[in-house]
Amino acid sequence: MIIRKLADVEKTGVEMEGVKGITKQLVLGSKEGVPNFSIRVFTLEPGGHSPHHTHEVEHLNIILSGEGALMDKDGRANPLVAGDFAFVAPHDVHQFRNTSQTEDFVFVCAVPKEYE
């Protein structure tokens, strides 16, 4: 059994093309011996966003706080708030955006551990 407090997990900057104002916390993953999924928490500062991208694996997202949007391949915004769940299937083109000007947008992103 592993129990970890989010406040105790190091935040690292996300540096890649198309990223603005994101930090990542790898809460549970292969280092802890988790067999299937890695649990990551992303924090997008006001105005922050991920790249408009796609990848080979699914991921499940749970919104912890703030307000944001999950953009689809056509650039349509799907609003997200605390308590919402969002599933992104393999090869779905998507982008996460913080739509608030004052609050962080924080969400859990669970992916197969190979993609951590």
N, C-alpha and C. Protein backbone atom coordinates (compact mmCIF):
# COMPACT_ATOMS: atom_id res chain seq x y z
N MET A 1 0.85 -1.18 0.00
CA MET A 1 0.00 0.00 0.00
C MET A 1 0.89 1.24 0.00
N ILE A 2 0.51 2.23 -0.78
CA ILE A 2 1.25 3.50 -0.84
C ILE A 2 0.26 4.63 -0.59
N ILE A 3 0.62 5.50 0.34
CA ILE A 3 -0.18 6.69 0.60
C ILE A 3 0.76 7.88 0.49
N ARG A 4 0.35 8.86 -0.27
CA ARG A 4 1.22 10.01 -0.50
C ARG A 4 0.37 11.28 -0.48
N LYS A 5 0.88 12.31 0.12
CA LYS A 5 0.22 13.62 0.13
C LYS A 5 0.72 14.43 -1.06
N LEU A 6 -0.21 14.99 -1.82
CA LEU A 6 0.16 15.77 -3.00
C LEU A 6 1.12 16.89 -2.65
N ALA A 7 0.92 17.53 -1.51
CA ALA A 7 1.78 18.64 -1.09
C ALA A 7 3.24 18.21 -0.91
N ASP A 8 3.47 16.90 -0.71
CA ASP A 8 4.83 16.40 -0.50
C ASP A 8 5.52 15.98 -1.80
N VAL A 9 4.82 16.05 -2.93
CA VAL A 9 5.38 15.61 -4.20
C VAL A 9 5.97 16.80 -4.95
N GLU A 10 7.22 16.65 -5.36
CA GLU A 10 7.94 17.72 -6.07
C GLU A 10 7.22 18.14 -7.36
N LYS A 11 7.19 19.45 -7.59
CA LYS A 11 6.66 19.99 -8.84
C LYS A 11 7.83 20.23 -9.79
N THR A 12 7.65 19.81 -11.04
CA THR A 12 8.65 20.08 -12.07
C THR A 12 7.99 20.81 -13.23
N GLY A 13 8.74 21.68 -13.85
CA GLY A 13 8.21 22.40 -15.01
C GLY A 13 8.07 21.46 -16.20
N VAL A 14 7.09 21.74 -17.03
CA VAL A 14 6.90 20.97 -18.26
C VAL A 14 7.46 21.82 -19.40
N GLU A 15 8.52 21.32 -20.01
CA GLU A 15 9.20 22.05 -21.06
C GLU A 15 9.05 21.28 -22.37
N MET A 16 8.15 21.74 -23.22
CA MET A 16 8.01 21.18 -24.55
C MET A 16 7.31 22.20 -25.43
N GLU A 17 7.45 22.05 -26.72
CA GLU A 17 6.84 23.00 -27.64
C GLU A 17 5.32 23.04 -27.44
N GLY A 18 4.77 24.24 -27.38
CA GLY A 18 3.32 24.41 -27.25
C GLY A 18 2.82 24.47 -25.82
N VAL A 19 3.72 24.37 -24.84
CA VAL A 19 3.33 24.40 -23.43
C VAL A 19 3.53 25.81 -22.88
N LYS A 20 2.56 26.24 -22.08
CA LYS A 20 2.68 27.52 -21.39
C LYS A 20 2.19 27.36 -19.96
N GLY A 21 3.08 27.63 -18.99
CA GLY A 21 2.68 27.71 -17.59
C GLY A 21 2.16 26.43 -16.96
N ILE A 22 2.88 25.30 -17.13
CA ILE A 22 2.43 24.02 -16.56
C ILE A 22 3.52 23.44 -15.67
N THR A 23 3.10 22.93 -14.51
CA THR A 23 3.97 22.09 -13.69
C THR A 23 3.33 20.72 -13.55
N LYS A 24 4.18 19.72 -13.29
CA LYS A 24 3.74 18.33 -13.18
C LYS A 24 4.26 17.74 -11.87
N GLN A 25 3.42 16.93 -11.25
CA GLN A 25 3.81 16.15 -10.09
C GLN A 25 3.55 14.68 -10.41
N LEU A 26 4.58 13.86 -10.36
CA LEU A 26 4.41 12.42 -10.56
C LEU A 26 4.14 11.81 -9.19
N VAL A 27 2.86 11.63 -8.89
CA VAL A 27 2.42 11.21 -7.56
C VAL A 27 2.74 9.73 -7.33
N LEU A 28 2.38 8.89 -8.28
CA LEU A 28 2.65 7.45 -8.19
C LEU A 28 3.02 6.94 -9.58
N GLY A 29 4.08 6.13 -9.64
CA GLY A 29 4.51 5.62 -10.93
C GLY A 29 5.42 4.42 -10.79
N SER A 30 6.19 4.19 -11.83
CA SER A 30 7.05 2.99 -11.86
C SER A 30 8.08 3.00 -10.73
N LYS A 31 8.55 4.16 -10.33
CA LYS A 31 9.52 4.25 -9.23
C LYS A 31 8.97 3.66 -7.94
N GLU A 32 7.66 3.80 -7.74
CA GLU A 32 7.01 3.25 -6.54
C GLU A 32 6.53 1.81 -6.75
N GLY A 33 6.77 1.26 -7.94
CA GLY A 33 6.36 -0.12 -8.22
C GLY A 33 4.91 -0.27 -8.61
N VAL A 34 4.26 0.84 -9.01
CA VAL A 34 2.87 0.76 -9.44
C VAL A 34 2.82 -0.07 -10.72
N PRO A 35 2.00 -1.13 -10.76
CA PRO A 35 2.08 -2.10 -11.86
C PRO A 35 1.50 -1.66 -13.20
N ASN A 36 0.49 -0.81 -13.24
CA ASN A 36 -0.18 -0.53 -14.50
C ASN A 36 -0.28 0.94 -14.88
N PHE A 37 -0.67 1.79 -13.94
CA PHE A 37 -0.93 3.19 -14.26
C PHE A 37 -0.04 4.12 -13.46
N SER A 38 0.32 5.23 -14.07
CA SER A 38 1.00 6.31 -13.37
C SER A 38 -0.01 7.41 -13.12
N ILE A 39 0.09 8.00 -11.95
CA ILE A 39 -0.81 9.08 -11.56
C ILE A 39 0.01 10.36 -11.51
N ARG A 40 -0.39 11.30 -12.37
CA ARG A 40 0.29 12.58 -12.45
C ARG A 40 -0.72 13.69 -12.13
N VAL A 41 -0.23 14.78 -11.58
CA VAL A 41 -1.08 15.94 -11.35
C VAL A 41 -0.44 17.12 -12.08
N PHE A 42 -1.25 17.76 -12.92
CA PHE A 42 -0.80 18.92 -13.66
C PHE A 42 -1.46 20.17 -13.09
N THR A 43 -0.68 21.23 -12.97
CA THR A 43 -1.18 22.53 -12.56
C THR A 43 -0.90 23.50 -13.69
N LEU A 44 -1.96 24.10 -14.21
CA LEU A 44 -1.85 25.11 -15.27
C LEU A 44 -2.12 26.47 -14.63
N GLU A 45 -1.16 27.36 -14.73
CA GLU A 45 -1.36 28.70 -14.18
C GLU A 45 -2.38 29.44 -15.04
N PRO A 46 -2.92 30.56 -14.55
CA PRO A 46 -3.87 31.32 -15.35
C PRO A 46 -3.30 31.59 -16.75
N GLY A 47 -4.10 31.27 -17.76
CA GLY A 47 -3.67 31.43 -19.14
C GLY A 47 -2.79 30.30 -19.66
N GLY A 48 -2.47 29.33 -18.81
CA GLY A 48 -1.60 28.22 -19.21
C GLY A 48 -2.32 27.20 -20.08
N HIS A 49 -1.53 26.44 -20.84
CA HIS A 49 -2.12 25.40 -21.70
C HIS A 49 -1.09 24.36 -22.09
N SER A 50 -1.60 23.18 -22.45
CA SER A 50 -0.77 22.12 -23.02
C SER A 50 -0.72 22.34 -24.53
N PRO A 51 0.13 21.59 -25.23
CA PRO A 51 0.09 21.70 -26.69
C PRO A 51 -1.17 21.05 -27.23
N HIS A 52 -1.57 21.43 -28.43
CA HIS A 52 -2.65 20.73 -29.13
C HIS A 52 -1.97 19.48 -29.69
N HIS A 53 -2.29 18.30 -29.15
CA HIS A 53 -1.50 17.12 -29.47
C HIS A 53 -2.33 15.84 -29.45
N THR A 54 -1.68 14.76 -29.81
CA THR A 54 -2.26 13.43 -29.76
C THR A 54 -1.16 12.45 -29.36
N HIS A 55 -1.56 11.29 -28.87
CA HIS A 55 -0.59 10.26 -28.53
C HIS A 55 -1.23 8.89 -28.60
N GLU A 56 -0.42 7.88 -28.37
CA GLU A 56 -0.82 6.49 -28.58
C GLU A 56 -1.66 5.89 -27.45
N VAL A 57 -1.72 6.53 -26.30
CA VAL A 57 -2.37 5.92 -25.14
C VAL A 57 -3.54 6.75 -24.63
N GLU A 58 -4.46 6.08 -23.96
CA GLU A 58 -5.58 6.76 -23.32
C GLU A 58 -5.12 7.41 -22.03
N HIS A 59 -5.89 8.40 -21.58
CA HIS A 59 -5.69 8.89 -20.23
C HIS A 59 -7.00 9.38 -19.64
N LEU A 60 -7.10 9.18 -18.32
CA LEU A 60 -8.28 9.59 -17.56
C LEU A 60 -7.89 10.79 -16.74
N ASN A 61 -8.72 11.83 -16.79
CA ASN A 61 -8.43 13.07 -16.09
C ASN A 61 -9.55 13.37 -15.10
N ILE A 62 -9.15 13.80 -13.91
CA ILE A 62 -10.09 14.18 -12.87
C ILE A 62 -9.72 15.60 -12.44
N ILE A 63 -10.66 16.50 -12.55
CA ILE A 63 -10.39 17.91 -12.25
C ILE A 63 -10.48 18.11 -10.74
N LEU A 64 -9.39 18.65 -10.16
CA LEU A 64 -9.34 18.88 -8.71
C LEU A 64 -9.77 20.29 -8.34
N SER A 65 -9.33 21.29 -9.12
CA SER A 65 -9.70 22.66 -8.79
C SER A 65 -9.52 23.57 -10.00
N GLY A 66 -10.17 24.71 -9.92
CA GLY A 66 -10.08 25.70 -10.98
C GLY A 66 -11.08 25.45 -12.10
N GLU A 67 -10.91 26.21 -13.16
CA GLU A 67 -11.77 26.11 -14.33
C GLU A 67 -10.89 26.03 -15.57
N GLY A 68 -11.26 25.15 -16.46
CA GLY A 68 -10.49 25.00 -17.68
C GLY A 68 -11.34 24.49 -18.81
N ALA A 69 -10.66 24.09 -19.87
CA ALA A 69 -11.35 23.53 -21.02
C ALA A 69 -10.48 22.45 -21.64
N LEU A 70 -11.15 21.45 -22.18
CA LEU A 70 -10.50 20.41 -22.96
C LEU A 70 -10.88 20.70 -24.41
N MET A 71 -9.90 21.13 -25.18
CA MET A 71 -10.13 21.50 -26.57
C MET A 71 -10.10 20.25 -27.43
N ASP A 72 -11.01 20.17 -28.41
CA ASP A 72 -11.02 19.02 -29.30
C ASP A 72 -10.26 19.33 -30.59
N LYS A 73 -10.27 18.38 -31.52
CA LYS A 73 -9.48 18.53 -32.75
C LYS A 73 -9.90 19.72 -33.59
N ASP A 74 -11.14 20.17 -33.44
CA ASP A 74 -11.63 21.31 -34.19
C ASP A 74 -11.51 22.62 -33.43
N GLY A 75 -10.87 22.57 -32.25
CA GLY A 75 -10.69 23.78 -31.45
C GLY A 75 -11.89 24.16 -30.61
N ARG A 76 -12.87 23.25 -30.50
CA ARG A 76 -14.04 23.52 -29.64
C ARG A 76 -13.65 23.30 -28.19
N ALA A 77 -14.10 24.21 -27.33
CA ALA A 77 -13.81 24.13 -25.90
C ALA A 77 -14.89 23.35 -25.18
N ASN A 78 -14.49 22.35 -24.41
CA ASN A 78 -15.38 21.59 -23.54
C ASN A 78 -15.05 21.98 -22.12
N PRO A 79 -15.90 22.80 -21.46
CA PRO A 79 -15.59 23.32 -20.13
C PRO A 79 -15.41 22.20 -19.09
N LEU A 80 -14.48 22.46 -18.17
CA LEU A 80 -14.20 21.53 -17.07
C LEU A 80 -14.08 22.31 -15.77
N VAL A 81 -14.66 21.75 -14.70
CA VAL A 81 -14.56 22.33 -13.35
C VAL A 81 -14.29 21.21 -12.36
N ALA A 82 -13.97 21.59 -11.14
CA ALA A 82 -13.68 20.62 -10.08
C ALA A 82 -14.78 19.57 -9.99
N GLY A 83 -14.37 18.31 -9.93
CA GLY A 83 -15.31 17.20 -9.85
C GLY A 83 -15.62 16.56 -11.18
N ASP A 84 -15.22 17.19 -12.29
CA ASP A 84 -15.46 16.61 -13.61
C ASP A 84 -14.41 15.55 -13.93
N PHE A 85 -14.82 14.59 -14.76
CA PHE A 85 -13.93 13.56 -15.28
C PHE A 85 -13.88 13.72 -16.80
N ALA A 86 -12.72 13.47 -17.39
CA ALA A 86 -12.58 13.55 -18.84
C ALA A 86 -11.71 12.39 -19.31
N PHE A 87 -12.20 11.62 -20.27
CA PHE A 87 -11.44 10.52 -20.85
C PHE A 87 -10.96 10.94 -22.23
N VAL A 88 -9.67 10.79 -22.47
CA VAL A 88 -9.09 11.07 -23.78
C VAL A 88 -8.62 9.74 -24.35
N ALA A 89 -9.22 9.33 -25.46
CA ALA A 89 -8.89 8.05 -26.09
C ALA A 89 -7.59 8.16 -26.88
N PRO A 90 -6.94 7.02 -27.15
CA PRO A 90 -5.75 7.07 -28.00
C PRO A 90 -6.06 7.78 -29.32
N HIS A 91 -5.12 8.59 -29.76
CA HIS A 91 -5.18 9.31 -31.03
C HIS A 91 -6.17 10.47 -31.05
N ASP A 92 -6.89 10.75 -29.95
CA ASP A 92 -7.74 11.94 -29.89
C ASP A 92 -6.85 13.19 -29.84
N VAL A 93 -7.07 14.10 -30.75
CA VAL A 93 -6.36 15.38 -30.71
C VAL A 93 -7.01 16.22 -29.60
N HIS A 94 -6.18 16.77 -28.71
CA HIS A 94 -6.72 17.49 -27.55
C HIS A 94 -5.73 18.51 -27.02
N GLN A 95 -6.25 19.41 -26.20
CA GLN A 95 -5.43 20.40 -25.51
C GLN A 95 -6.16 20.80 -24.24
N PHE A 96 -5.42 20.92 -23.14
CA PHE A 96 -5.98 21.43 -21.90
C PHE A 96 -5.62 22.90 -21.78
N ARG A 97 -6.60 23.71 -21.35
CA ARG A 97 -6.39 25.15 -21.17
C ARG A 97 -6.96 25.59 -19.83
N ASN A 98 -6.26 26.49 -19.17
CA ASN A 98 -6.80 27.16 -18.00
C ASN A 98 -7.57 28.37 -18.51
N THR A 99 -8.86 28.42 -18.25
CA THR A 99 -9.69 29.53 -18.73
C THR A 99 -9.85 30.64 -17.70
N SER A 100 -9.26 30.47 -16.53
CA SER A 100 -9.35 31.49 -15.48
C SER A 100 -8.21 32.49 -15.62
N GLN A 101 -8.47 33.71 -15.24
CA GLN A 101 -7.43 34.74 -15.21
C GLN A 101 -6.79 34.87 -13.83
N THR A 102 -7.36 34.15 -12.83
CA THR A 102 -6.89 34.34 -11.45
C THR A 102 -6.54 33.06 -10.71
N GLU A 103 -7.08 31.91 -11.12
CA GLU A 103 -6.88 30.66 -10.38
C GLU A 103 -6.11 29.63 -11.20
N ASP A 104 -5.35 28.79 -10.50
CA ASP A 104 -4.74 27.63 -11.15
C ASP A 104 -5.82 26.63 -11.53
N PHE A 105 -5.54 25.87 -12.58
CA PHE A 105 -6.39 24.76 -13.03
C PHE A 105 -5.58 23.50 -12.75
N VAL A 106 -6.11 22.62 -11.87
CA VAL A 106 -5.36 21.47 -11.40
C VAL A 106 -6.13 20.20 -11.69
N PHE A 107 -5.45 19.21 -12.30
CA PHE A 107 -6.14 17.96 -12.60
C PHE A 107 -5.19 16.76 -12.51
N VAL A 108 -5.80 15.63 -12.17
CA VAL A 108 -5.11 14.34 -12.17
C VAL A 108 -5.15 13.80 -13.59
N CYS A 109 -4.05 13.20 -13.99
CA CYS A 109 -3.99 12.55 -15.30
C CYS A 109 -3.39 11.16 -15.09
N ALA A 110 -4.20 10.13 -15.27
CA ALA A 110 -3.75 8.74 -15.11
C ALA A 110 -3.47 8.17 -16.49
N VAL A 111 -2.27 7.61 -16.66
CA VAL A 111 -1.85 7.04 -17.94
C VAL A 111 -1.19 5.68 -17.69
N PRO A 112 -1.14 4.82 -18.71
CA PRO A 112 -0.35 3.59 -18.56
C PRO A 112 1.07 3.96 -18.14
N LYS A 113 1.66 3.20 -17.24
CA LYS A 113 2.94 3.57 -16.65
C LYS A 113 4.05 3.76 -17.68
N GLU A 114 3.95 3.12 -18.81
CA GLU A 114 4.97 3.27 -19.84
C GLU A 114 5.00 4.69 -20.42
N TYR A 115 3.92 5.42 -20.21
CA TYR A 115 3.81 6.77 -20.76
C TYR A 115 4.08 7.85 -19.71
N GLU A 116 4.49 7.46 -18.53
CA GLU A 116 4.63 8.41 -17.43
C GLU A 116 5.60 9.52 -17.79
